[in-house]
């Protein structure tokens, strides 16, 4: 281990020399990494914002439970305690009939101001839940409760929206994983061609007694550097492109229901991920290619 650590600077310098001597192959490998990481960055941006959309929509979902008009103040206080005790309920807010009418006027315009003198709106509880998936169950419990006239939250349309977001999040994550595996395959094949052009160099190292580890290490450093070089342009495009998009759309997509991820620290995380992904993919691609070649040459 000590000898290996001492040899690292030598292997790193050898890797730099190898990149310079085989510039065409280096450029080809870095281009393969660059294209793949650009695709990965696009889908990470989409997946991250889909996750943000889902969290924002789920966070804004609340159950509106209208209270029967015959309920007294004591009954309402007891109901509020009972609802708060339901598993999955995060918070509950009482909305008087005046508050309900004011909300109706705010949402639909001044046409409803005519009802101020004879307010037909019932008081209600606005219930916030911990998880959007708990909404149907909690809504059913509220509808079964004495004193609740009607509890509703938006029904199947909201359920379908949440399912779509969840499917997009899972699908995006799977696609990013597939692209990462594709990047390893592309780099492995590209570096394999580099190794075939350097078979004389490898044969000489084998003949003078170099171990497999000693032969592999410079190539693994080369792969790491190729991956890191290939990640620079995707990082630049991602940071500049997303920042411009965020500003041009005022941080929203189509409406304030779909809030985009803020550039910082979102872009920082993506940049670090792309840089690490390029380095790791480069090392793995080089390792698999050299290992296969050395095994074949035995």
Foldseek 3Di string as FASTA:
>chain_A
DVVVVVCQVVLLVVLVVLCVVPVVLLVVLLQLLQVLLLVLLVLVQVLVLLVVLLVLLLQPFKKKWFFDPVDDPVRVVVVLVVLCPDPFWDDKDKFALVNVLVVVCVVPHPPSVVCPVPRPGGIIMIIRGPGSVCVVVSQVVSVVDPRTPHMDTPPPVSVVSSVVSVVSNVVSVVVSVVSLVVSLVSSLVSVLVVCVVCVVVVVVCVVVPHDLVNVLSSQLSNLLVSLQSSLVVSLVCSLVVVVVVCVVVVQADPDPSRGRDDSPPVSVVSSVVSNVSSRVSRNSSSNVSSVVVVVVVD
